[in-house]
Amino acid sequence: SVNGMNMPVPDAQKAELKKSIAMQKIMNLTPVLQ
């Protein structure tokens, strides 16, 4: 949302957000081995 207005989230941006979450998971380090 921008200034309280919901914005459409294109598929490409959804995929990028999913990658960002996966990256943070890896940067936590322990999941990589567990």
Full PDB file with SEQRES, HELIX, SHEET, SSBOND, CRYST1, ORIGX, SCALE, CONECT and MASTER records, all heavy atoms in Angstrom:
SEQRES   1 A   34  SER VAL ASN GLY MET ASN MET PRO VAL PRO ASP ALA GLN          
SEQRES   2 A   34  LYS ALA GLU LEU LYS LYS SER ILE ALA MET GLN LYS ILE          
SEQRES   3 A   34  MET ASN LEU THR PRO VAL LEU GLN                              
HELIX    1 AA1 ASP A   11  MET A   27  1                                  17    
HELIX    2 AA2 THR A   30  LEU A   33  1                                   4    
CRYST1    1.000    1.000    1.000  90.00  90.00  90.00 P 1           1          
ORIGX1      1.000000  0.000000  0.000000        0.00000                         
ORIGX2      0.000000  1.000000  0.000000        0.00000                         
ORIGX3      0.000000  0.000000  1.000000        0.00000                         
SCALE1      1.000000  0.000000  0.000000        0.00000                         
SCALE2      0.000000  1.000000  0.000000        0.00000                         
SCALE3      0.000000  0.000000  1.000000        0.00000                         
ATOM      1  N   SER A   1       0.849  -1.192   0.000  1.00  0.00           N  
ATOM      2  CA  SER A   1       0.000   0.000   0.000  1.00  0.00           C  
ATOM      3  C   SER A   1       0.887   1.246   0.000  1.00  0.00           C  
ATOM      4  O   SER A   1       1.989   1.235   0.552  1.00  0.00           O  
ATOM      5  CB  SER A   1      -0.932   0.013   1.216  1.00  0.00           C  
ATOM      6  OG  SER A   1      -0.204   0.204   2.419  1.00  0.00           O  
ATOM      7  N   VAL A   2       0.392   2.296  -0.642  1.00  0.00           N  
ATOM      8  CA  VAL A   2       1.090   3.577  -0.683  1.00  0.00           C  
ATOM      9  C   VAL A   2       0.143   4.639  -0.140  1.00  0.00           C  
ATOM     10  O   VAL A   2      -0.941   4.848  -0.685  1.00  0.00           O  
ATOM     11  CB  VAL A   2       1.528   3.931  -2.121  1.00  0.00           C  
ATOM     12  CG1 VAL A   2       2.216   5.301  -2.140  1.00  0.00           C  
ATOM     13  CG2 VAL A   2       2.464   2.863  -2.669  1.00  0.00           C  
ATOM     14  N   ASN A   3       0.538   5.264   0.952  1.00  0.00           N  
ATOM     15  CA  ASN A   3      -0.300   6.263   1.631  1.00  0.00           C  
ATOM     16  C   ASN A   3      -1.704   5.713   1.901  1.00  0.00           C  
ATOM     17  O   ASN A   3      -2.716   6.403   1.699  1.00  0.00           O  
ATOM     18  CB  ASN A   3      -0.379   7.558   0.821  1.00  0.00           C  
ATOM     19  CG  ASN A   3       0.933   8.329   0.859  1.00  0.00           C  
ATOM     20  OD1 ASN A   3       1.814   8.042   1.671  1.00  0.00           O  
ATOM     21  ND2 ASN A   3       1.076   9.303  -0.010  1.00  0.00           N  
ATOM     22  N   GLY A   4      -1.756   4.469   2.339  1.00  0.00           N  
ATOM     23  CA  GLY A   4      -3.024   3.852   2.721  1.00  0.00           C  
ATOM     24  C   GLY A   4      -3.826   3.264   1.580  1.00  0.00           C  
ATOM     25  O   GLY A   4      -4.870   2.635   1.813  1.00  0.00           O  
ATOM     26  N   MET A   5      -3.356   3.425   0.341  1.00  0.00           N  
ATOM     27  CA  MET A   5      -4.085   2.911  -0.816  1.00  0.00           C  
ATOM     28  C   MET A   5      -3.439   1.609  -1.293  1.00  0.00           C  
ATOM     29  O   MET A   5      -2.246   1.572  -1.607  1.00  0.00           O  
ATOM     30  CB  MET A   5      -4.067   3.931  -1.956  1.00  0.00           C  
ATOM     31  CG  MET A   5      -4.857   3.495  -3.189  1.00  0.00           C  
ATOM     32  SD  MET A   5      -4.797   4.740  -4.515  1.00  0.00           S  
ATOM     33  CE  MET A   5      -5.597   6.128  -3.703  1.00  0.00           C  
ATOM     34  N   ASN A   6      -4.232   0.539  -1.329  1.00  0.00           N  
ATOM     35  CA  ASN A   6      -3.710  -0.746  -1.788  1.00  0.00           C  
ATOM     36  C   ASN A   6      -3.338  -0.688  -3.258  1.00  0.00           C  
ATOM     37  O   ASN A   6      -4.094  -0.150  -4.087  1.00  0.00           O  
ATOM     38  CB  ASN A   6      -4.743  -1.855  -1.566  1.00  0.00           C  
ATOM     39  CG  ASN A   6      -4.902  -2.208  -0.096  1.00  0.00           C  
ATOM     40  OD1 ASN A   6      -3.953  -2.105   0.674  1.00  0.00           O  
ATOM     41  ND2 ASN A   6      -6.094  -2.629   0.289  1.00  0.00           N  
ATOM     42  N   MET A   7      -2.191  -1.228  -3.570  1.00  0.00           N  
ATOM     43  CA  MET A   7      -1.693  -1.223  -4.936  1.00  0.00           C  
ATOM     44  C   MET A   7      -1.678  -2.651  -5.483  1.00  0.00           C  
ATOM     45  O   MET A   7      -1.493  -3.609  -4.732  1.00  0.00           O  
ATOM     46  CB  MET A   7      -0.271  -0.651  -4.980  1.00  0.00           C  
ATOM     47  CG  MET A   7      -0.127   0.710  -4.321  1.00  0.00           C  
ATOM     48  SD  MET A   7      -1.092   1.994  -5.155  1.00  0.00           S  
ATOM     49  CE  MET A   7      -0.142   2.154  -6.677  1.00  0.00           C  
ATOM     50  N   PRO A   8      -1.871  -2.792  -6.786  1.00  0.00           N  
ATOM     51  CA  PRO A   8      -1.773  -4.147  -7.372  1.00  0.00           C  
ATOM     52  C   PRO A   8      -0.336  -4.646  -7.262  1.00  0.00           C  
ATOM     53  O   PRO A   8       0.619  -3.878  -7.407  1.00  0.00           O  
ATOM     54  CB  PRO A   8      -2.191  -3.933  -8.832  1.00  0.00           C  
ATOM     55  CG  PRO A   8      -1.935  -2.481  -9.101  1.00  0.00           C  
ATOM     56  CD  PRO A   8      -2.211  -1.778  -7.810  1.00  0.00           C  
ATOM     57  N   VAL A   9      -0.188  -5.933  -6.981  1.00  0.00           N  
ATOM     58  CA  VAL A   9       1.147  -6.536  -6.874  1.00  0.00           C  
ATOM     59  C   VAL A   9       1.327  -7.472  -8.062  1.00  0.00           C  
ATOM     60  O   VAL A   9       0.757  -8.562  -8.086  1.00  0.00           O  
ATOM     61  CB  VAL A   9       1.310  -7.307  -5.551  1.00  0.00           C  
ATOM     62  CG1 VAL A   9       2.732  -7.825  -5.425  1.00  0.00           C  
ATOM     63  CG2 VAL A   9       0.957  -6.421  -4.352  1.00  0.00           C  
ATOM     64  N   PRO A  10       2.106  -7.046  -9.065  1.00  0.00           N  
ATOM     65  CA  PRO A  10       2.324  -7.898 -10.250  1.00  0.00           C  
ATOM     66  C   PRO A  10       2.984  -9.223  -9.866  1.00  0.00           C  
ATOM     67  O   PRO A  10       3.661  -9.321  -8.839  1.00  0.00           O  
ATOM     68  CB  PRO A  10       3.263  -7.054 -11.128  1.00  0.00           C  
ATOM     69  CG  PRO A  10       3.110  -5.650 -10.626  1.00  0.00           C  
ATOM     70  CD  PRO A  10       2.817  -5.766  -9.154  1.00  0.00           C  
ATOM     71  N   ASP A  11       2.800 -10.218 -10.699  1.00  0.00           N  
ATOM     72  CA  ASP A  11       3.371 -11.539 -10.433  1.00  0.00           C  
ATOM     73  C   ASP A  11       4.885 -11.472 -10.263  1.00  0.00           C  
ATOM     74  O   ASP A  11       5.455 -12.185  -9.426  1.00  0.00           O  
ATOM     75  CB  ASP A  11       3.015 -12.509 -11.564  1.00  0.00           C  
ATOM     76  CG  ASP A  11       1.534 -12.886 -11.563  1.00  0.00           C  
ATOM     77  OD1 ASP A  11       0.876 -12.698 -10.512  1.00  0.00           O  
ATOM     78  OD2 ASP A  11       1.039 -13.375 -12.597  1.00  0.00           O  
ATOM     79  N   ALA A  12       5.539 -10.615 -11.061  1.00  0.00           N  
ATOM     80  CA  ALA A  12       6.999 -10.493 -10.977  1.00  0.00           C  
ATOM     81  C   ALA A  12       7.418  -9.979  -9.606  1.00  0.00           C  
ATOM     82  O   ALA A  12       8.418 -10.425  -9.038  1.00  0.00           O  
ATOM     83  CB  ALA A  12       7.518  -9.563 -12.069  1.00  0.00           C  
ATOM     84  N   GLN A  13       6.632  -9.035  -9.061  1.00  0.00           N  
ATOM     85  CA  GLN A  13       6.956  -8.502  -7.738  1.00  0.00           C  
ATOM     86  C   GLN A  13       6.675  -9.525  -6.648  1.00  0.00           C  
ATOM     87  O   GLN A  13       7.418  -9.630  -5.673  1.00  0.00           O  
ATOM     88  CB  GLN A  13       6.163  -7.220  -7.468  1.00  0.00           C  
ATOM     89  CG  GLN A  13       6.616  -6.482  -6.216  1.00  0.00           C  
ATOM     90  CD  GLN A  13       5.942  -5.135  -6.053  1.00  0.00           C  
ATOM     91  OE1 GLN A  13       5.239  -4.660  -6.938  1.00  0.00           O  
ATOM     92  NE2 GLN A  13       6.128  -4.524  -4.896  1.00  0.00           N  
ATOM     93  N   LYS A  14       5.613 -10.308  -6.815  1.00  0.00           N  
ATOM     94  CA  LYS A  14       5.318 -11.377  -5.863  1.00  0.00           C  
ATOM     95  C   LYS A  14       6.464 -12.395  -5.842  1.00  0.00           C  
ATOM     96  O   LYS A  14       6.879 -12.855  -4.772  1.00  0.00           O  
ATOM     97  CB  LYS A  14       4.004 -12.076  -6.234  1.00  0.00           C  
ATOM     98  CG  LYS A  14       2.756 -11.247  -5.962  1.00  0.00           C  
ATOM     99  CD  LYS A  14       1.504 -12.025  -6.340  1.00  0.00           C  
ATOM    100  CE  LYS A  14       0.259 -11.206  -6.058  1.00  0.00           C  
ATOM    101  NZ  LYS A  14      -0.986 -11.937  -6.442  1.00  0.00           N  
ATOM    102  N   ALA A  15       6.956 -12.724  -7.019  1.00  0.00           N  
ATOM    103  CA  ALA A  15       8.069 -13.676  -7.111  1.00  0.00           C  
ATOM    104  C   ALA A  15       9.312 -13.107  -6.439  1.00  0.00           C  
ATOM    105  O   ALA A  15      10.053 -13.825  -5.761  1.00  0.00           O  
ATOM    106  CB  ALA A  15       8.357 -13.994  -8.575  1.00  0.00           C  
ATOM    107  N   GLU A  16       9.526 -11.797  -6.604  1.00  0.00           N  
ATOM    108  CA  GLU A  16      10.689 -11.157  -5.989  1.00  0.00           C  
ATOM    109  C   GLU A  16      10.564 -11.142  -4.468  1.00  0.00           C  
ATOM    110  O   GLU A  16      11.551 -11.381  -3.755  1.00  0.00           O  
ATOM    111  CB  GLU A  16      10.831  -9.719  -6.511  1.00  0.00           C  
ATOM    112  CG  GLU A  16      12.038  -8.972  -6.001  1.00  0.00           C  
ATOM    113  CD  GLU A  16      13.367  -9.547  -6.482  1.00  0.00           C  
ATOM    114  OE1 GLU A  16      13.367 -10.389  -7.403  1.00  0.00           O  
ATOM    115  OE2 GLU A  16      14.411  -9.154  -5.919  1.00  0.00           O  
ATOM    116  N   LEU A  17       9.374 -10.884  -3.946  1.00  0.00           N  
ATOM    117  CA  LEU A  17       9.158 -10.912  -2.505  1.00  0.00           C  
ATOM    118  C   LEU A  17       9.387 -12.315  -1.950  1.00  0.00           C  
ATOM    119  O   LEU A  17       9.959 -12.483  -0.871  1.00  0.00           O  
ATOM    120  CB  LEU A  17       7.738 -10.430  -2.169  1.00  0.00           C  
ATOM    121  CG  LEU A  17       7.471  -8.940  -2.362  1.00  0.00           C  
ATOM    122  CD1 LEU A  17       5.986  -8.643  -2.177  1.00  0.00           C  
ATOM    123  CD2 LEU A  17       8.281  -8.110  -1.378  1.00  0.00           C  
ATOM    124  N   LYS A  18       8.957 -13.305  -2.715  1.00  0.00           N  
ATOM    125  CA  LYS A  18       9.160 -14.707  -2.304  1.00  0.00           C  
ATOM    126  C   LYS A  18      10.654 -15.029  -2.254  1.00  0.00           C  
ATOM    127  O   LYS A  18      11.139 -15.696  -1.338  1.00  0.00           O  
ATOM    128  CB  LYS A  18       8.446 -15.639  -3.279  1.00  0.00           C  
ATOM    129  CG  LYS A  18       8.339 -17.079  -2.799  1.00  0.00           C  
ATOM    130  CD  LYS A  18       7.464 -17.899  -3.735  1.00  0.00           C  
ATOM    131  CE  LYS A  18       7.321 -19.318  -3.224  1.00  0.00           C  
ATOM    132  NZ  LYS A  18       6.454 -20.141  -4.115  1.00  0.00           N  
ATOM    133  N   LYS A  19      11.397 -14.518  -3.228  1.00  0.00           N  
ATOM    134  CA  LYS A  19      12.851 -14.715  -3.239  1.00  0.00           C  
ATOM    135  C   LYS A  19      13.498 -14.018  -2.047  1.00  0.00           C  
ATOM    136  O   LYS A  19      14.438 -14.536  -1.448  1.00  0.00           O  
ATOM    137  CB  LYS A  19      13.444 -14.182  -4.547  1.00  0.00           C  
ATOM    138  CG  LYS A  19      13.157 -15.026  -5.770  1.00  0.00           C  
ATOM    139  CD  LYS A  19      13.834 -14.436  -6.993  1.00  0.00           C  
ATOM    140  CE  LYS A  19      13.566 -15.262  -8.238  1.00  0.00           C  
ATOM    141  NZ  LYS A  19      14.241 -14.675  -9.429  1.00  0.00           N  
ATOM    142  N   SER A  20      13.003 -12.838  -1.724  1.00  0.00           N  
ATOM    143  CA  SER A  20      13.555 -12.081  -0.601  1.00  0.00           C  
ATOM    144  C   SER A  20      13.374 -12.829   0.714  1.00  0.00           C  
ATOM    145  O   SER A  20      14.283 -12.871   1.555  1.00  0.00           O  
ATOM    146  CB  SER A  20      12.883 -10.709  -0.523  1.00  0.00           C  
ATOM    147  OG  SER A  20      13.372  -9.968   0.572  1.00  0.00           O  
ATOM    148  N   ILE A  21      12.200 -13.433   0.896  1.00  0.00           N  
ATOM    149  CA  ILE A  21      11.947 -14.221   2.101  1.00  0.00           C  
ATOM    150  C   ILE A  21      12.872 -15.438   2.142  1.00  0.00           C  
ATOM    151  O   ILE A  21      13.442 -15.779   3.193  1.00  0.00           O  
ATOM    152  CB  ILE A  21      10.474 -14.672   2.153  1.00  0.00           C  
ATOM    153  CG1 ILE A  21       9.546 -13.467   2.369  1.00  0.00           C  
ATOM    154  CG2 ILE A  21      10.263 -15.692   3.259  1.00  0.00           C  
ATOM    155  CD1 ILE A  21       9.703 -12.776   3.706  1.00  0.00           C  
ATOM    156  N   ALA A  22      13.043 -16.095   0.999  1.00  0.00           N  
ATOM    157  CA  ALA A  22      13.934 -17.259   0.933  1.00  0.00           C  
ATOM    158  C   ALA A  22      15.372 -16.848   1.242  1.00  0.00           C  
ATOM    159  O   ALA A  22      16.104 -17.575   1.930  1.00  0.00           O  
ATOM    160  CB  ALA A  22      13.854 -17.894  -0.451  1.00  0.00           C  
ATOM    161  N   MET A  23      15.783 -15.672   0.755  1.00  0.00           N  
ATOM    162  CA  MET A  23      17.136 -15.195   1.011  1.00  0.00           C  
ATOM    163  C   MET A  23      17.358 -14.953   2.503  1.00  0.00           C  
ATOM    164  O   MET A  23      18.396 -15.329   3.058  1.00  0.00           O  
ATOM    165  CB  MET A  23      17.393 -13.905   0.229  1.00  0.00           C  
ATOM    166  CG  MET A  23      18.791 -13.330   0.428  1.00  0.00           C  
ATOM    167  SD  MET A  23      19.078 -11.829  -0.541  1.00  0.00           S  
ATOM    168  CE  MET A  23      18.014 -10.671   0.325  1.00  0.00           C  
ATOM    169  N   GLN A  24      16.384 -14.340   3.163  1.00  0.00           N  
ATOM    170  CA  GLN A  24      16.513 -14.085   4.591  1.00  0.00           C  
ATOM    171  C   GLN A  24      16.566 -15.387   5.381  1.00  0.00           C  
ATOM    172  O   GLN A  24      17.282 -15.497   6.382  1.00  0.00           O  
ATOM    173  CB  GLN A  24      15.356 -13.205   5.058  1.00  0.00           C  
ATOM    174  CG  GLN A  24      15.443 -11.790   4.506  1.00  0.00           C  
ATOM    175  CD  GLN A  24      14.282 -10.920   4.944  1.00  0.00           C  
ATOM    176  OE1 GLN A  24      13.849 -10.987   6.084  1.00  0.00           O  
ATOM    177  NE2 GLN A  24      13.776 -10.111   4.042  1.00  0.00           N  
ATOM    178  N   LYS A  25      15.799 -16.370   4.908  1.00  0.00           N  
ATOM    179  CA  LYS A  25      15.828 -17.684   5.556  1.00  0.00           C  
ATOM    180  C   LYS A  25      17.227 -18.277   5.479  1.00  0.00           C  
ATOM    181  O   LYS A  25      17.761 -18.802   6.471  1.00  0.00           O  
ATOM    182  CB  LYS A  25      14.817 -18.604   4.873  1.00  0.00           C  
ATOM    183  CG  LYS A  25      14.715 -19.995   5.474  1.00  0.00           C  
ATOM    184  CD  LYS A  25      13.638 -20.797   4.751  1.00  0.00           C  
ATOM    185  CE  LYS A  25      13.471 -22.175   5.340  1.00  0.00           C  
ATOM    186  NZ  LYS A  25      12.403 -22.955   4.664  1.00  0.00           N  
ATOM    187  N   ILE A  26      17.844 -18.174   4.320  1.00  0.00           N  
ATOM    188  CA  ILE A  26      19.201 -18.701   4.135  1.00  0.00           C  
ATOM    189  C   ILE A  26      20.199 -17.925   4.978  1.00  0.00           C  
ATOM    190  O   ILE A  26      21.120 -18.500   5.572  1.00  0.00           O  
ATOM    191  CB  ILE A  26      19.581 -18.667   2.645  1.00  0.00           C  
ATOM    192  CG1 ILE A  26      18.750 -19.687   1.866  1.00  0.00           C  
ATOM    193  CG2 ILE A  26      21.076 -18.947   2.460  1.00  0.00           C  
ATOM    194  CD1 ILE A  26      18.857 -19.564   0.366  1.00  0.00           C  
ATOM    195  N   MET A  27      20.022 -16.613   5.067  1.00  0.00           N  
ATOM    196  CA  MET A  27      20.944 -15.786   5.841  1.00  0.00           C  
ATOM    197  C   MET A  27      20.832 -16.040   7.332  1.00  0.00           C  
ATOM    198  O   MET A  27      21.719 -15.664   8.099  1.00  0.00           O  
ATOM    199  CB  MET A  27      20.715 -14.305   5.521  1.00  0.00           C  
ATOM    200  CG  MET A  27      21.183 -13.924   4.119  1.00  0.00           C  
ATOM    201  SD  MET A  27      20.722 -12.238   3.645  1.00  0.00           S  
ATOM    202  CE  MET A  27      21.644 -11.288   4.862  1.00  0.00           C  
ATOM    203  N   ASN A  28      19.753 -16.704   7.757  1.00  0.00           N  
ATOM    204  CA  ASN A  28      19.657 -17.145   9.157  1.00  0.00           C  
ATOM    205  C   ASN A  28      20.582 -18.322   9.427  1.00  0.00           C  
ATOM    206  O   ASN A  28      20.810 -18.697  10.588  1.00  0.00           O  
ATOM    207  CB  ASN A  28      18.216 -17.543   9.495  1.00  0.00           C  
ATOM    208  CG  ASN A  28      17.312 -16.349   9.711  1.00  0.00           C  
ATOM    209  OD1 ASN A  28      17.787 -15.245   9.985  1.00  0.00           O  
ATOM    210  ND2 ASN A  28      16.014 -16.546   9.567  1.00  0.00           N  
ATOM    211  N   LEU A  29      21.068 -18.930   8.353  1.00  0.00           N  
ATOM    212  CA  LEU A  29      22.109 -19.963   8.358  1.00  0.00           C  
ATOM    213  C   LEU A  29      21.665 -21.341   8.849  1.00  0.00           C  
ATOM    214  O   LEU A  29      21.896 -22.344   8.174  1.00  0.00           O  
ATOM    215  CB  LEU A  29      23.338 -19.496   9.168  1.00  0.00           C  
ATOM    216  CG  LEU A  29      24.048 -18.246   8.635  1.00  0.00           C  
ATOM    217  CD1 LEU A  29      25.166 -17.822   9.595  1.00  0.00           C  
ATOM    218  CD2 LEU A  29      24.614 -18.490   7.247  1.00  0.00           C  
ATOM    219  N   THR A  30      21.064 -21.441  10.018  1.00  0.00           N  
ATOM    220  CA  THR A  30      20.746 -22.772  10.552  1.00  0.00           C  
ATOM    221  C   THR A  30      19.786 -23.577   9.668  1.00  0.00           C  
ATOM    222  O   THR A  30      19.955 -24.804   9.558  1.00  0.00           O  
ATOM    223  CB  THR A  30      20.182 -22.685  11.990  1.00  0.00           C  
ATOM    224  OG1 THR A  30      19.051 -21.819  12.014  1.00  0.00           O  
ATOM    225  CG2 THR A  30      21.246 -22.169  12.950  1.00  0.00           C  
ATOM    226  N   PRO A  31      18.789 -22.957   9.010  1.00  0.00           N  
ATOM    227  CA  PRO A  31      17.910 -23.765   8.156  1.00  0.00           C  
ATOM    228  C   PRO A  31      18.657 -24.470   7.030  1.00  0.00           C  
ATOM    229  O   PRO A  31      18.246 -25.546   6.583  1.00  0.00           O  
ATOM    230  CB  PRO A  31      16.919 -22.730   7.596  1.00  0.00           C  
ATOM    231  CG  PRO A  31      16.902 -21.642   8.606  1.00  0.00           C  
ATOM    232  CD  PRO A  31      18.314 -21.564   9.108  1.00  0.00           C  
ATOM    233  N   VAL A  32      19.757 -23.880   6.569  1.00  0.00           N  
ATOM    234  CA  VAL A  32      20.517 -24.458   5.458  1.00  0.00           C  
ATOM    235  C   VAL A  32      21.039 -25.847   5.801  1.00  0.00           C  
ATOM    236  O   VAL A  32      21.113 -26.733   4.944  1.00  0.00           O  
ATOM    237  CB  VAL A  32      21.690 -23.521   5.083  1.00  0.00           C  
ATOM    238  CG1 VAL A  32      22.574 -24.167   4.030  1.00  0.00           C  
ATOM    239  CG2 VAL A  32      21.161 -22.184   4.582  1.00  0.00           C  
ATOM    240  N   LEU A  33      21.380 -26.059   7.082  1.00  0.00           N  
ATOM    241  CA  LEU A  33      21.891 -27.355   7.514  1.00  0.00           C  
ATOM    242  C   LEU A  33      20.810 -28.245   8.121  1.00  0.00           C  
ATOM    243  O   LEU A  33      20.941 -29.463   8.124  1.00  0.00           O  
ATOM    244  CB  LEU A  33      23.015 -27.167   8.544  1.00  0.00           C  
ATOM    245  CG  LEU A  33      24.264 -26.402   8.071  1.00  0.00           C  
ATOM    246  CD1 LEU A  33      25.317 -26.378   9.177  1.00  0.00           C  
ATOM    247  CD2 LEU A  33      24.839 -27.006   6.800  1.00  0.00           C  
ATOM    248  N   GLN A  34      19.756 -27.635   8.626  1.00  0.00           N  
ATOM    249  CA  GLN A  34      18.736 -28.400   9.349  1.00  0.00           C  
ATOM    250  C   GLN A  34      17.594 -28.882   8.460  1.00  0.00           C  
ATOM    251  O   GLN A  34      16.946 -29.889   8.774  1.00  0.00           O  
ATOM    252  CB  GLN A  34      18.164 -27.549  10.487  1.00  0.00           C  
ATOM    253  CG  GLN A  34      19.172 -27.209  11.573  1.00  0.00           C  
ATOM    254  CD  GLN A  34      18.604 -26.222  12.587  1.00  0.00           C  
ATOM    255  OE1 GLN A  34      17.510 -25.692  12.414  1.00  0.00           O  
ATOM    256  NE2 GLN A  34      19.352 -25.965  13.646  1.00  0.00           N  
TER     257      GLN A  34                                                      
MASTER        0    0    0    2    0    0    0    6  256    1    0    3          
END                                                                             
